Amino acid sequence: MPRVVYQIRVAGAVPNRLLEDFSGVEIAADPIGTTLHADLTDQAELSGLLAALRRAGIVLLEVRREQAFETEKDSAAEDEADSDGQRPSNSV
């Protein structure tokens, strides 16, 4: 499953303890507030992070999707599809 990086801008500071449950989140302070770079697996993980910020009373300024990238598993599946001319099934 492709991972997605989101840039989340908030007003004020974000306590480190708030982000302990979220791996792949980096914090950068700026003059206006804080920018989080969150490397997430799906929308549910994004929703959980935004809900945690809301519960803490942190004001959300902007959410922007930065990029998507492939995991090694995705890349291997594409290589397999290229070699036999068929796409692998994504059944769950």
N, C-alpha and C. Protein backbone atom coordinates (compact mmCIF):
# COMPACT_ATOMS: atom_id res chain seq x y z
N MET A 1 0.85 -1.18 0.00
CA MET A 1 0.00 0.00 0.00
C MET A 1 0.89 1.24 0.00
N PRO A 2 0.66 2.17 -0.90
CA PRO A 2 1.49 3.37 -0.91
C PRO A 2 1.28 4.21 0.34
N ARG A 3 2.37 4.74 0.83
CA ARG A 3 2.30 5.62 2.00
C ARG A 3 2.19 7.04 1.48
N VAL A 4 1.63 7.91 2.30
CA VAL A 4 1.44 9.30 1.91
C VAL A 4 2.02 10.19 3.00
N VAL A 5 2.69 11.25 2.60
CA VAL A 5 3.22 12.22 3.54
C VAL A 5 2.32 13.45 3.52
N TYR A 6 1.87 13.84 4.71
CA TYR A 6 1.04 15.03 4.85
C TYR A 6 1.81 16.11 5.58
N GLN A 7 1.61 17.33 5.17
CA GLN A 7 2.14 18.50 5.88
C GLN A 7 0.95 19.08 6.63
N ILE A 8 1.05 19.14 7.95
CA ILE A 8 -0.04 19.64 8.79
C ILE A 8 0.48 20.85 9.55
N ARG A 9 -0.12 22.00 9.30
CA ARG A 9 0.28 23.24 9.98
C ARG A 9 -0.73 23.55 11.05
N VAL A 10 -0.24 23.87 12.25
CA VAL A 10 -1.11 24.20 13.38
C VAL A 10 -0.60 25.47 14.05
N ALA A 11 -1.51 26.14 14.77
CA ALA A 11 -1.13 27.32 15.53
C ALA A 11 -0.54 26.87 16.87
N GLY A 12 0.55 27.49 17.26
CA GLY A 12 1.15 27.18 18.55
C GLY A 12 2.03 25.95 18.52
N ALA A 13 2.39 25.52 19.72
CA ALA A 13 3.29 24.38 19.89
C ALA A 13 2.49 23.08 20.03
N VAL A 14 3.13 21.99 19.64
CA VAL A 14 2.53 20.66 19.79
C VAL A 14 3.40 19.89 20.79
N PRO A 15 2.82 19.48 21.91
CA PRO A 15 3.61 18.72 22.89
C PRO A 15 4.06 17.37 22.31
N ASN A 16 5.29 17.00 22.57
CA ASN A 16 5.83 15.73 22.06
C ASN A 16 5.02 14.54 22.53
N ARG A 17 4.51 14.59 23.76
CA ARG A 17 3.74 13.47 24.31
C ARG A 17 2.49 13.19 23.48
N LEU A 18 1.96 14.22 22.82
CA LEU A 18 0.76 14.05 21.99
C LEU A 18 1.02 13.15 20.79
N LEU A 19 2.26 13.14 20.34
CA LEU A 19 2.60 12.40 19.12
C LEU A 19 3.23 11.04 19.40
N GLU A 20 3.29 10.63 20.66
CA GLU A 20 3.93 9.36 21.01
C GLU A 20 3.29 8.16 20.33
N ASP A 21 1.99 8.22 20.07
CA ASP A 21 1.28 7.09 19.46
C ASP A 21 1.38 7.08 17.94
N PHE A 22 2.03 8.08 17.36
CA PHE A 22 2.10 8.21 15.91
C PHE A 22 3.55 8.14 15.45
N SER A 23 3.93 7.01 14.86
CA SER A 23 5.28 6.91 14.32
C SER A 23 5.32 7.62 12.97
N GLY A 24 6.47 8.10 12.59
CA GLY A 24 6.60 8.74 11.28
C GLY A 24 6.16 10.20 11.26
N VAL A 25 6.06 10.84 12.43
CA VAL A 25 5.67 12.25 12.48
C VAL A 25 6.87 13.06 12.96
N GLU A 26 7.26 14.04 12.16
CA GLU A 26 8.35 14.95 12.51
C GLU A 26 7.78 16.34 12.75
N ILE A 27 8.38 17.07 13.68
CA ILE A 27 7.89 18.41 14.06
C ILE A 27 8.92 19.46 13.68
N ALA A 28 8.43 20.57 13.13
CA ALA A 28 9.29 21.72 12.84
C ALA A 28 8.55 22.98 13.30
N ALA A 29 9.16 23.71 14.23
CA ALA A 29 8.56 24.95 14.72
C ALA A 29 8.87 26.08 13.75
N ASP A 30 7.92 26.99 13.57
CA ASP A 30 8.15 28.18 12.75
C ASP A 30 7.53 29.37 13.47
N PRO A 31 7.71 30.59 12.96
CA PRO A 31 7.21 31.77 13.67
C PRO A 31 5.69 31.78 13.89
N ILE A 32 4.94 31.14 13.02
CA ILE A 32 3.49 31.16 13.13
C ILE A 32 2.97 30.04 14.03
N GLY A 33 3.65 28.93 14.04
CA GLY A 33 3.18 27.79 14.82
C GLY A 33 4.10 26.60 14.63
N THR A 34 3.50 25.46 14.28
CA THR A 34 4.25 24.22 14.14
C THR A 34 3.81 23.53 12.85
N THR A 35 4.77 22.94 12.17
CA THR A 35 4.48 22.15 10.98
C THR A 35 4.85 20.71 11.29
N LEU A 36 3.88 19.81 11.06
CA LEU A 36 4.12 18.38 11.24
C LEU A 36 4.26 17.76 9.86
N HIS A 37 5.23 16.91 9.69
CA HIS A 37 5.36 16.11 8.47
C HIS A 37 5.04 14.69 8.90
N ALA A 38 3.90 14.18 8.44
CA ALA A 38 3.42 12.89 8.89
C ALA A 38 3.42 11.88 7.75
N ASP A 39 4.22 10.85 7.89
CA ASP A 39 4.31 9.75 6.93
C ASP A 39 3.30 8.69 7.37
N LEU A 40 2.15 8.62 6.69
CA LEU A 40 1.04 7.80 7.14
C LEU A 40 0.67 6.72 6.12
N THR A 41 0.02 5.67 6.61
CA THR A 41 -0.35 4.55 5.74
C THR A 41 -1.73 4.72 5.12
N ASP A 42 -2.64 5.42 5.81
CA ASP A 42 -4.00 5.52 5.27
C ASP A 42 -4.75 6.69 5.89
N GLN A 43 -5.97 6.90 5.40
CA GLN A 43 -6.82 8.01 5.87
C GLN A 43 -7.19 7.84 7.33
N ALA A 44 -7.35 6.61 7.79
CA ALA A 44 -7.70 6.37 9.19
C ALA A 44 -6.60 6.89 10.12
N GLU A 45 -5.35 6.69 9.74
CA GLU A 45 -4.24 7.18 10.54
C GLU A 45 -4.21 8.70 10.55
N LEU A 46 -4.50 9.32 9.40
CA LEU A 46 -4.60 10.78 9.33
C LEU A 46 -5.72 11.28 10.23
N SER A 47 -6.87 10.64 10.16
CA SER A 47 -8.01 11.04 10.99
C SER A 47 -7.68 10.93 12.47
N GLY A 48 -6.98 9.88 12.86
CA GLY A 48 -6.58 9.71 14.26
C GLY A 48 -5.65 10.82 14.72
N LEU A 49 -4.70 11.20 13.88
CA LEU A 49 -3.77 12.28 14.23
C LEU A 49 -4.51 13.60 14.35
N LEU A 50 -5.40 13.90 13.40
CA LEU A 50 -6.16 15.14 13.46
C LEU A 50 -7.07 15.18 14.68
N ALA A 51 -7.66 14.04 15.04
CA ALA A 51 -8.53 13.97 16.22
C ALA A 51 -7.72 14.22 17.50
N ALA A 52 -6.50 13.68 17.57
CA ALA A 52 -5.64 13.91 18.74
C ALA A 52 -5.30 15.38 18.88
N LEU A 53 -5.00 16.05 17.76
CA LEU A 53 -4.71 17.48 17.79
C LEU A 53 -5.95 18.26 18.27
N ARG A 54 -7.12 17.89 17.76
CA ARG A 54 -8.36 18.58 18.13
C ARG A 54 -8.65 18.41 19.63
N ARG A 55 -8.49 17.17 20.14
CA ARG A 55 -8.73 16.92 21.57
C ARG A 55 -7.81 17.75 22.45
N ALA A 56 -6.61 18.03 21.97
CA ALA A 56 -5.64 18.82 22.73
C ALA A 56 -5.91 20.32 22.61
N GLY A 57 -6.92 20.70 21.81
CA GLY A 57 -7.25 22.11 21.65
C GLY A 57 -6.32 22.85 20.70
N ILE A 58 -5.62 22.12 19.87
CA ILE A 58 -4.68 22.75 18.92
C ILE A 58 -5.45 23.16 17.67
N VAL A 59 -5.22 24.40 17.24
CA VAL A 59 -5.92 24.95 16.09
C VAL A 59 -5.24 24.52 14.80
N LEU A 60 -6.00 23.86 13.94
CA LEU A 60 -5.50 23.39 12.66
C LEU A 60 -5.54 24.54 11.66
N LEU A 61 -4.42 24.79 10.98
CA LEU A 61 -4.35 25.85 9.97
C LEU A 61 -4.42 25.30 8.55
N GLU A 62 -3.77 24.16 8.32
CA GLU A 62 -3.71 23.62 6.95
C GLU A 62 -3.29 22.16 6.97
N VAL A 63 -3.86 21.39 6.07
CA VAL A 63 -3.43 20.01 5.82
C VAL A 63 -3.17 19.90 4.33
N ARG A 64 -1.99 19.43 3.98
CA ARG A 64 -1.62 19.32 2.57
C ARG A 64 -0.96 17.96 2.34
N ARG A 65 -1.39 17.30 1.30
CA ARG A 65 -0.78 16.03 0.91
C ARG A 65 0.49 16.35 0.14
N GLU A 66 1.63 15.86 0.62
CA GLU A 66 2.91 16.20 0.00
C GLU A 66 3.28 15.26 -1.13
N GLN A 67 3.30 13.97 -0.87
CA GLN A 67 3.78 13.03 -1.87
C GLN A 67 3.33 11.64 -1.51
N ALA A 68 3.35 10.78 -2.49
CA ALA A 68 3.12 9.36 -2.26
C ALA A 68 4.37 8.64 -2.71
N PHE A 69 4.70 7.56 -2.06
CA PHE A 69 5.84 6.77 -2.50
C PHE A 69 5.52 5.30 -2.28
N GLU A 70 6.25 4.47 -3.00
CA GLU A 70 6.01 3.04 -2.94
C GLU A 70 6.86 2.39 -1.87
N THR A 71 6.30 1.38 -1.24
CA THR A 71 7.08 0.56 -0.33
C THR A 71 7.81 -0.49 -1.16
N GLU A 72 8.73 -1.21 -0.55
CA GLU A 72 9.44 -2.27 -1.27
C GLU A 72 8.46 -3.33 -1.75
N LYS A 73 7.42 -3.62 -0.96
CA LYS A 73 6.42 -4.62 -1.34
C LYS A 73 5.68 -4.18 -2.60
N ASP A 74 5.29 -2.89 -2.67
CA ASP A 74 4.60 -2.37 -3.85
C ASP A 74 5.50 -2.47 -5.08
N SER A 75 6.76 -2.13 -4.91
CA SER A 75 7.70 -2.16 -6.01
C SER A 75 7.89 -3.59 -6.51
N ALA A 76 7.99 -4.55 -5.60
CA ALA A 76 8.14 -5.95 -5.99
C ALA A 76 6.91 -6.44 -6.74
N ALA A 77 5.72 -6.03 -6.32
CA ALA A 77 4.48 -6.42 -7.00
C ALA A 77 4.45 -5.85 -8.41
N GLU A 78 4.90 -4.61 -8.60
CA GLU A 78 4.94 -4.01 -9.93
C GLU A 78 5.95 -4.73 -10.81
N ASP A 79 7.11 -5.10 -10.25
CA ASP A 79 8.10 -5.83 -11.02
C ASP A 79 7.54 -7.18 -11.47
N GLU A 80 6.80 -7.83 -10.59
CA GLU A 80 6.18 -9.11 -10.93
C GLU A 80 5.18 -8.93 -12.06
N ALA A 81 4.39 -7.87 -11.99
CA ALA A 81 3.39 -7.61 -13.03
C ALA A 81 4.06 -7.31 -14.36
N ASP A 82 5.17 -6.59 -14.33
CA ASP A 82 5.88 -6.27 -15.55
C ASP A 82 6.45 -7.52 -16.21
N SER A 83 6.88 -8.47 -15.40
CA SER A 83 7.51 -9.66 -15.96
C SER A 83 6.50 -10.63 -16.57
N ASP A 84 5.26 -10.68 -16.06
CA ASP A 84 4.28 -11.60 -16.64
C ASP A 84 3.15 -10.90 -17.39
N GLY A 85 3.21 -9.57 -17.45
CA GLY A 85 2.22 -8.82 -18.21
C GLY A 85 0.89 -8.65 -17.53
N GLN A 86 0.77 -9.08 -16.28
CA GLN A 86 -0.49 -8.95 -15.55
C GLN A 86 -0.23 -8.20 -14.26
N ARG A 87 -1.26 -7.51 -13.81
CA ARG A 87 -1.19 -6.81 -12.53
C ARG A 87 -1.54 -7.80 -11.43
N PRO A 88 -0.85 -7.79 -10.28
CA PRO A 88 -1.23 -8.66 -9.17
C PRO A 88 -2.55 -8.21 -8.58
N SER A 89 -3.30 -9.15 -8.06
CA SER A 89 -4.59 -8.78 -7.45
C SER A 89 -4.33 -8.15 -6.10
N ASN A 90 -5.19 -7.24 -5.71
CA ASN A 90 -5.08 -6.56 -4.42
C ASN A 90 -6.21 -6.99 -3.50
N SER A 91 -6.62 -8.24 -3.59
CA SER A 91 -7.71 -8.72 -2.76
C SER A 91 -7.29 -8.76 -1.30
N VAL A 92 -8.25 -8.51 -0.44
CA VAL A 92 -7.97 -8.47 1.00
C VAL A 92 -8.58 -9.67 1.65
